[in-house]
């Protein structure tokens, strides 16, 4: 697959060949993407929600009334879940929500995510993301010129410091290095913008996985 390369100012900078095994999948599997997005979001959950169990409730432990002869049900403590102010039965406790997915499955999902952007025409290739100064207003004008309103930028091995500073205050714009490329961030933005060095890094990344 061949795609045109542009400069940040909108000018042409040649073209680049994309690997069809990474960017040219015809049948995009939504179920694969959904499983990996769920896996990513589950890993982000803090899991710090917690309720008080019987031994943590600050109430008296004295027996409420005598065992028999009252005509009522038999109870031994006001800490029980059926009483107002008592413990909660089977509530949430501190735990990890993370679960495992095979590495090959995660790599396959990333291929499908990249291919979905290429198939939808939402993939833009730029030659470089280096700018002279960290000027947010100037960078916003540049994005407006090339039609980028909601985009994820994959900058290459490292993100240019000026570009990172200028882009961080622009809404709906994310900037990541090659190592940060993931399915969730690719799908949550309308446009995926890759540099030529990012494409080289992605190709090398998948080549290493296949060799392994």
C-alpha atoms as a PDB file:
ATOM      1  CA  UNK A   1       0.000   0.000   0.000  1.00  0.00           C
ATOM      2  CA  UNK A   2       1.406   3.377  -1.029  1.00  0.00           C
ATOM      3  CA  UNK A   3       0.354   6.586   0.727  1.00  0.00           C
ATOM      4  CA  UNK A   4       1.429  10.205   0.250  1.00  0.00           C
ATOM      5  CA  UNK A   5       3.636  11.928   2.807  1.00  0.00           C
ATOM      6  CA  UNK A   6       3.025  15.561   3.733  1.00  0.00           C
ATOM      7  CA  UNK A   7       4.828  18.218   5.714  1.00  0.00           C
ATOM      8  CA  UNK A   8       3.323  20.004   8.700  1.00  0.00           C
ATOM      9  CA  UNK A   9       2.761  23.057   6.522  1.00  0.00           C
ATOM     10  CA  UNK A  10       0.673  20.968   4.118  1.00  0.00           C
ATOM     11  CA  UNK A  11       3.291  20.579   1.397  1.00  0.00           C
ATOM     12  CA  UNK A  12       4.073  17.277  -0.283  1.00  0.00           C
ATOM     13  CA  UNK A  13       7.047  15.201   0.826  1.00  0.00           C
ATOM     14  CA  UNK A  14       6.873  12.154  -1.450  1.00  0.00           C
ATOM     15  CA  UNK A  15       5.249   8.844  -0.602  1.00  0.00           C
ATOM     16  CA  UNK A  16       5.869   5.752   1.491  1.00  0.00           C
ATOM     17  CA  UNK A  17       5.035   2.061   1.136  1.00  0.00           C
ATOM     18  CA  UNK A  18       3.062   0.539   3.998  1.00  0.00           C
ATOM     19  CA  UNK A  19       3.131  -3.145   4.882  1.00  0.00           C
ATOM     20  CA  UNK A  20      -0.214  -4.715   3.927  1.00  0.00           C
ATOM     21  CA  UNK A  21       0.137  -7.179   6.813  1.00  0.00           C
ATOM     22  CA  UNK A  22      -0.019  -4.225   9.224  1.00  0.00           C
ATOM     23  CA  UNK A  23      -2.026  -1.533   7.436  1.00  0.00           C
ATOM     24  CA  UNK A  24      -3.901  -3.498   4.772  1.00  0.00           C
ATOM     25  CA  UNK A  25      -6.198  -5.934   6.609  1.00  0.00           C
ATOM     26  CA  UNK A  26      -9.518  -5.983   4.726  1.00  0.00           C
ATOM     27  CA  UNK A  27     -11.828  -7.576   7.308  1.00  0.00           C
ATOM     28  CA  UNK A  28     -11.582  -5.543  10.509  1.00  0.00           C
ATOM     29  CA  UNK A  29     -12.557  -7.683  13.523  1.00  0.00           C
ATOM     30  CA  UNK A  30     -14.476  -5.507  15.953  1.00  0.00           C
ATOM     31  CA  UNK A  31     -14.584  -8.295  18.536  1.00  0.00           C
ATOM     32  CA  UNK A  32     -10.791  -8.421  18.683  1.00  0.00           C
ATOM     33  CA  UNK A  33     -10.562  -4.654  19.121  1.00  0.00           C
ATOM     34  CA  UNK A  34     -13.243  -4.721  21.830  1.00  0.00           C
ATOM     35  CA  UNK A  35     -11.442  -7.368  23.873  1.00  0.00           C
ATOM     36  CA  UNK A  36      -8.149  -5.482  23.838  1.00  0.00           C
ATOM     37  CA  UNK A  37      -9.773  -2.124  24.679  1.00  0.00           C
ATOM     38  CA  UNK A  38     -11.535  -3.805  27.609  1.00  0.00           C
ATOM     39  CA  UNK A  39      -8.200  -5.304  28.691  1.00  0.00           C
ATOM     40  CA  UNK A  40      -6.505  -1.889  28.566  1.00  0.00           C
ATOM     41  CA  UNK A  41      -9.253  -0.117  30.501  1.00  0.00           C
ATOM     42  CA  UNK A  42      -9.399  -2.895  33.109  1.00  0.00           C
ATOM     43  CA  UNK A  43      -5.662  -2.439  33.770  1.00  0.00           C
ATOM     44  CA  UNK A  44      -6.242   1.279  34.401  1.00  0.00           C
ATOM     45  CA  UNK A  45      -8.865   0.738  37.096  1.00  0.00           C
ATOM     46  CA  UNK A  46      -7.559   1.534  40.570  1.00  0.00           C
ATOM     47  CA  UNK A  47      -9.642  -1.137  42.297  1.00  0.00           C
ATOM     48  CA  UNK A  48      -9.597   0.832  45.555  1.00  0.00           C
ATOM     49  CA  UNK A  49     -13.371   0.769  46.136  1.00  0.00           C
ATOM     50  CA  UNK A  50     -14.188  -0.882  49.432  1.00  0.00           C
ATOM     51  CA  UNK A  51     -17.003  -1.333  51.954  1.00  0.00           C
ATOM     52  CA  UNK A  52     -16.908  -2.056  55.684  1.00  0.00           C
ATOM     53  CA  UNK A  53     -17.299  -5.668  56.690  1.00  0.00           C
ATOM     54  CA  UNK A  54     -18.711  -6.881  60.016  1.00  0.00           C
ATOM     55  CA  UNK A  55     -15.518  -6.492  62.028  1.00  0.00           C
ATOM     56  CA  UNK A  56     -14.898  -2.944  60.701  1.00  0.00           C
ATOM     57  CA  UNK A  57     -18.287  -1.373  61.499  1.00  0.00           C
ATOM     58  CA  UNK A  58     -18.182   0.974  64.488  1.00  0.00           C
ATOM     59  CA  UNK A  59     -21.206  -0.305  66.395  1.00  0.00           C
ATOM     60  CA  UNK A  60     -21.672  -2.154  69.649  1.00  0.00           C
ATOM     61  CA  UNK A  61     -21.141  -5.879  69.660  1.00  0.00           C
ATOM     62  CA  UNK A  62     -23.519  -6.408  72.521  1.00  0.00           C
ATOM     63  CA  UNK A  63     -26.402  -8.806  71.956  1.00  0.00           C
ATOM     64  CA  UNK A  64     -29.489  -6.777  71.051  1.00  0.00           C
ATOM     65  CA  UNK A  65     -31.973  -8.640  73.223  1.00  0.00           C
ATOM     66  CA  UNK A  66     -32.415 -12.049  74.719  1.00  0.00           C
ATOM     67  CA  UNK A  67     -32.357 -15.042  72.418  1.00  0.00           C
ATOM     68  CA  UNK A  68     -35.895 -16.288  73.048  1.00  0.00           C
ATOM     69  CA  UNK A  69     -39.221 -15.114  74.296  1.00  0.00           C
ATOM     70  CA  UNK A  70     -39.460 -11.771  72.457  1.00  0.00           C
ATOM     71  CA  UNK A  71     -41.575 -12.991  69.526  1.00  0.00           C
ATOM     72  CA  UNK A  72     -39.020 -11.517  67.159  1.00  0.00           C
ATOM     73  CA  UNK A  73     -36.227 -12.978  65.076  1.00  0.00           C
ATOM     74  CA  UNK A  74     -33.049 -13.994  66.852  1.00  0.00           C
ATOM     75  CA  UNK A  75     -30.174 -11.505  66.427  1.00  0.00           C
ATOM     76  CA  UNK A  76     -26.783 -11.256  68.008  1.00  0.00           C
ATOM     77  CA  UNK A  77     -25.344  -7.965  66.744  1.00  0.00           C
ATOM     78  CA  UNK A  78     -26.390  -4.641  65.241  1.00  0.00           C
ATOM     79  CA  UNK A  79     -23.417  -4.872  62.880  1.00  0.00           C
ATOM     80  CA  UNK A  80     -25.338  -7.277  60.648  1.00  0.00           C
ATOM     81  CA  UNK A  81     -26.114  -6.183  57.094  1.00  0.00           C
ATOM     82  CA  UNK A  82     -29.903  -6.062  57.562  1.00  0.00           C
ATOM     83  CA  UNK A  83     -29.691  -3.190  60.071  1.00  0.00           C
ATOM     84  CA  UNK A  84     -29.276   0.503  59.239  1.00  0.00           C
ATOM     85  CA  UNK A  85     -25.669   1.453  59.910  1.00  0.00           C
ATOM     86  CA  UNK A  86     -24.518  -2.153  59.719  1.00  0.00           C
ATOM     87  CA  UNK A  87     -22.036  -3.764  57.369  1.00  0.00           C
ATOM     88  CA  UNK A  88     -22.725  -4.324  53.666  1.00  0.00           C
ATOM     89  CA  UNK A  89     -23.052  -7.893  52.482  1.00  0.00           C
ATOM     90  CA  UNK A  90     -20.885  -9.025  49.539  1.00  0.00           C
ATOM     91  CA  UNK A  91     -19.763  -5.489  48.647  1.00  0.00           C
ATOM     92  CA  UNK A  92     -16.644  -4.452  46.696  1.00  0.00           C
ATOM     93  CA  UNK A  93     -13.204  -4.972  48.188  1.00  0.00           C
ATOM     94  CA  UNK A  94      -9.748  -3.773  47.142  1.00  0.00           C
ATOM     95  CA  UNK A  95      -8.599  -5.856  44.185  1.00  0.00           C
ATOM     96  CA  UNK A  96      -7.001  -5.722  40.757  1.00  0.00           C
ATOM     97  CA  UNK A  97      -9.309  -5.730  37.742  1.00  0.00           C
ATOM     98  CA  UNK A  98      -6.513  -6.703  35.336  1.00  0.00           C
ATOM     99  CA  UNK A  99      -6.627  -9.911  33.348  1.00  0.00           C
ATOM    100  CA  UNK A 100      -4.275 -11.535  30.866  1.00  0.00           C
ATOM    101  CA  UNK A 101      -4.376 -11.540  27.074  1.00  0.00           C
ATOM    102  CA  UNK A 102      -1.838 -13.357  24.879  1.00  0.00           C
ATOM    103  CA  UNK A 103       0.818 -11.119  23.321  1.00  0.00           C
ATOM    104  CA  UNK A 104       0.004 -12.403  19.844  1.00  0.00           C
ATOM    105  CA  UNK A 105      -3.643 -11.468  20.329  1.00  0.00           C
ATOM    106  CA  UNK A 106      -2.698  -7.936  21.423  1.00  0.00           C
ATOM    107  CA  UNK A 107      -0.393  -7.571  18.423  1.00  0.00           C
ATOM    108  CA  UNK A 108      -3.182  -8.752  16.122  1.00  0.00           C
ATOM    109  CA  UNK A 109      -5.551  -6.163  17.601  1.00  0.00           C
ATOM    110  CA  UNK A 110      -3.014  -3.397  16.975  1.00  0.00           C
ATOM    111  CA  UNK A 111      -2.752  -4.499  13.349  1.00  0.00           C
ATOM    112  CA  UNK A 112      -6.533  -4.326  13.022  1.00  0.00           C
ATOM    113  CA  UNK A 113      -6.627  -0.883  14.648  1.00  0.00           C
ATOM    114  CA  UNK A 114      -3.969   0.485  12.275  1.00  0.00           C
ATOM    115  CA  UNK A 115      -5.682  -1.106   9.282  1.00  0.00           C
ATOM    116  CA  UNK A 116      -9.041   0.364  10.314  1.00  0.00           C
ATOM    117  CA  UNK A 117      -7.568   3.879  10.163  1.00  0.00           C
ATOM    118  CA  UNK A 118      -5.978   3.227   6.769  1.00  0.00           C
ATOM    119  CA  UNK A 119      -9.190   1.706   5.397  1.00  0.00           C
ATOM    120  CA  UNK A 120     -11.287   4.644   6.639  1.00  0.00           C
ATOM    121  CA  UNK A 121      -8.921   7.196   5.106  1.00  0.00           C
ATOM    122  CA  UNK A 122      -8.051   8.516   8.561  1.00  0.00           C
ATOM    123  CA  UNK A 123      -4.317   7.826   8.337  1.00  0.00           C
ATOM    124  CA  UNK A 124      -1.944  10.732   7.713  1.00  0.00           C
ATOM    125  CA  UNK A 125       1.813  10.385   7.180  1.00  0.00           C
ATOM    126  CA  UNK A 126       4.088  13.340   7.889  1.00  0.00           C
ATOM    127  CA  UNK A 127       7.807  13.554   7.317  1.00  0.00           C
ATOM    128  CA  UNK A 128       8.649  15.018  10.725  1.00  0.00           C
ATOM    129  CA  UNK A 129       7.057  16.647  13.796  1.00  0.00           C
ATOM    130  CA  UNK A 130       9.935  18.961  14.721  1.00  0.00           C
ATOM    131  CA  UNK A 131       9.034  22.645  15.123  1.00  0.00           C
ATOM    132  CA  UNK A 132      11.152  25.705  15.911  1.00  0.00           C
ATOM    133  CA  UNK A 133       9.435  26.864  19.098  1.00  0.00           C
ATOM    134  CA  UNK A 134       6.764  25.732  21.589  1.00  0.00           C
ATOM    135  CA  UNK A 135       4.013  28.037  20.290  1.00  0.00           C
ATOM    136  CA  UNK A 136       0.549  26.555  20.833  1.00  0.00           C
ATOM    137  CA  UNK A 137      -1.288  29.155  18.738  1.00  0.00           C
ATOM    138  CA  UNK A 138       1.002  28.602  15.757  1.00  0.00           C
ATOM    139  CA  UNK A 139       0.663  24.826  15.985  1.00  0.00           C
ATOM    140  CA  UNK A 140      -3.130  25.080  16.268  1.00  0.00           C
ATOM    141  CA  UNK A 141      -3.174  27.183  13.090  1.00  0.00           C
ATOM    142  CA  UNK A 142      -1.040  24.532  11.389  1.00  0.00           C
ATOM    143  CA  UNK A 143      -3.460  21.782  12.403  1.00  0.00           C
ATOM    144  CA  UNK A 144      -6.405  23.828  11.117  1.00  0.00           C
ATOM    145  CA  UNK A 145      -4.612  24.279   7.807  1.00  0.00           C
ATOM    146  CA  UNK A 146      -4.205  20.531   7.259  1.00  0.00           C
ATOM    147  CA  UNK A 147      -7.588  19.671   8.788  1.00  0.00           C
ATOM    148  CA  UNK A 148      -6.592  18.003  12.063  1.00  0.00           C
ATOM    149  CA  UNK A 149      -9.178  18.511  14.812  1.00  0.00           C
ATOM    150  CA  UNK A 150      -9.073  15.199  16.675  1.00  0.00           C
ATOM    151  CA  UNK A 151      -5.864  13.252  16.207  1.00  0.00           C
ATOM    152  CA  UNK A 152      -3.257  10.962  17.723  1.00  0.00           C
ATOM    153  CA  UNK A 153       0.348  11.711  16.741  1.00  0.00           C
ATOM    154  CA  UNK A 154       2.959   8.947  16.878  1.00  0.00           C
ATOM    155  CA  UNK A 155       6.178  10.905  16.664  1.00  0.00           C
ATOM    156  CA  UNK A 156       8.853   8.213  16.444  1.00  0.00           C
ATOM    157  CA  UNK A 157      11.402   6.974  18.987  1.00  0.00           C
ATOM    158  CA  UNK A 158      11.175  10.313  20.849  1.00  0.00           C
ATOM    159  CA  UNK A 159       8.785  13.259  20.779  1.00  0.00           C
ATOM    160  CA  UNK A 160      10.226  16.640  19.812  1.00  0.00           C
ATOM    161  CA  UNK A 161      10.238  18.746  22.993  1.00  0.00           C
ATOM    162  CA  UNK A 162       8.840  21.885  21.317  1.00  0.00           C
ATOM    163  CA  UNK A 163       6.075  19.941  19.584  1.00  0.00           C
ATOM    164  CA  UNK A 164       5.122  18.219  22.845  1.00  0.00           C
ATOM    165  CA  UNK A 165       4.917  21.519  24.736  1.00  0.00           C
ATOM    166  CA  UNK A 166       2.937  23.235  21.984  1.00  0.00           C
ATOM    167  CA  UNK A 167       0.453  20.385  21.532  1.00  0.00           C
ATOM    168  CA  UNK A 168      -0.311  19.562  25.153  1.00  0.00           C
ATOM    169  CA  UNK A 169      -2.837  22.402  25.555  1.00  0.00           C
ATOM    170  CA  UNK A 170      -4.738  21.689  22.340  1.00  0.00           C
ATOM    171  CA  UNK A 171      -7.980  19.751  22.996  1.00  0.00           C
ATOM    172  CA  UNK A 172      -8.419  16.313  21.406  1.00  0.00           C
ATOM    173  CA  UNK A 173      -4.755  16.081  20.403  1.00  0.00           C
ATOM    174  CA  UNK A 174      -2.534  13.329  21.813  1.00  0.00           C
ATOM    175  CA  UNK A 175       1.186  12.907  21.171  1.00  0.00           C
ATOM    176  CA  UNK A 176       3.027   9.655  21.930  1.00  0.00           C
ATOM    177  CA  UNK A 177       6.366   8.044  21.055  1.00  0.00           C
ATOM    178  CA  UNK A 178       6.518   4.682  19.288  1.00  0.00           C
ATOM    179  CA  UNK A 179       6.573   2.852  22.619  1.00  0.00           C
ATOM    180  CA  UNK A 180       3.202   4.372  23.576  1.00  0.00           C
ATOM    181  CA  UNK A 181       1.298   3.141  20.503  1.00  0.00           C
ATOM    182  CA  UNK A 182      -1.776   1.229  21.683  1.00  0.00           C
ATOM    183  CA  UNK A 183      -5.189   0.128  20.429  1.00  0.00           C
ATOM    184  CA  UNK A 184      -7.313   2.302  22.721  1.00  0.00           C
ATOM    185  CA  UNK A 185      -5.625   5.599  21.857  1.00  0.00           C
ATOM    186  CA  UNK A 186      -5.657   4.771  18.125  1.00  0.00           C
ATOM    187  CA  UNK A 187      -9.402   4.122  18.173  1.00  0.00           C
ATOM    188  CA  UNK A 188     -10.421   7.034  20.420  1.00  0.00           C
ATOM    189  CA  UNK A 189      -9.098   9.679  18.013  1.00  0.00           C
ATOM    190  CA  UNK A 190     -10.544  10.350  14.569  1.00  0.00           C
ATOM    191  CA  UNK A 191      -7.197  10.646  12.773  1.00  0.00           C
ATOM    192  CA  UNK A 192      -3.935   8.776  13.213  1.00  0.00           C
ATOM    193  CA  UNK A 193      -0.829  10.749  12.271  1.00  0.00           C
ATOM    194  CA  UNK A 194       2.434   8.842  11.860  1.00  0.00           C
ATOM    195  CA  UNK A 195       5.908  10.073  11.048  1.00  0.00           C
ATOM    196  CA  UNK A 196       8.141   8.143   8.683  1.00  0.00           C
ATOM    197  CA  UNK A 197      10.352   7.123  11.606  1.00  0.00           C
ATOM    198  CA  UNK A 198       7.221   5.905  13.440  1.00  0.00           C
ATOM    199  CA  UNK A 199       6.375   3.660  10.483  1.00  0.00           C
ATOM    200  CA  UNK A 200       9.889   2.219  10.581  1.00  0.00           C
ATOM    201  CA  UNK A 201       9.493   1.593  14.312  1.00  0.00           C
ATOM    202  CA  UNK A 202       6.108  -0.109  13.857  1.00  0.00           C
ATOM    203  CA  UNK A 203       7.493  -2.360  11.112  1.00  0.00           C
ATOM    204  CA  UNK A 204      10.473  -3.298  13.296  1.00  0.00           C
ATOM    205  CA  UNK A 205       8.169  -3.945  16.251  1.00  0.00           C
ATOM    206  CA  UNK A 206       6.071  -6.450  14.343  1.00  0.00           C
ATOM    207  CA  UNK A 207       9.119  -8.012  12.722  1.00  0.00           C
ATOM    208  CA  UNK A 208      10.512  -8.766  16.196  1.00  0.00           C
ATOM    209  CA  UNK A 209       7.200 -10.308  17.294  1.00  0.00           C
ATOM    210  CA  UNK A 210       7.121 -12.560  14.237  1.00  0.00           C
ATOM    211  CA  UNK A 211      10.723 -13.621  14.814  1.00  0.00           C
ATOM    212  CA  UNK A 212       9.914 -14.469  18.424  1.00  0.00           C
END
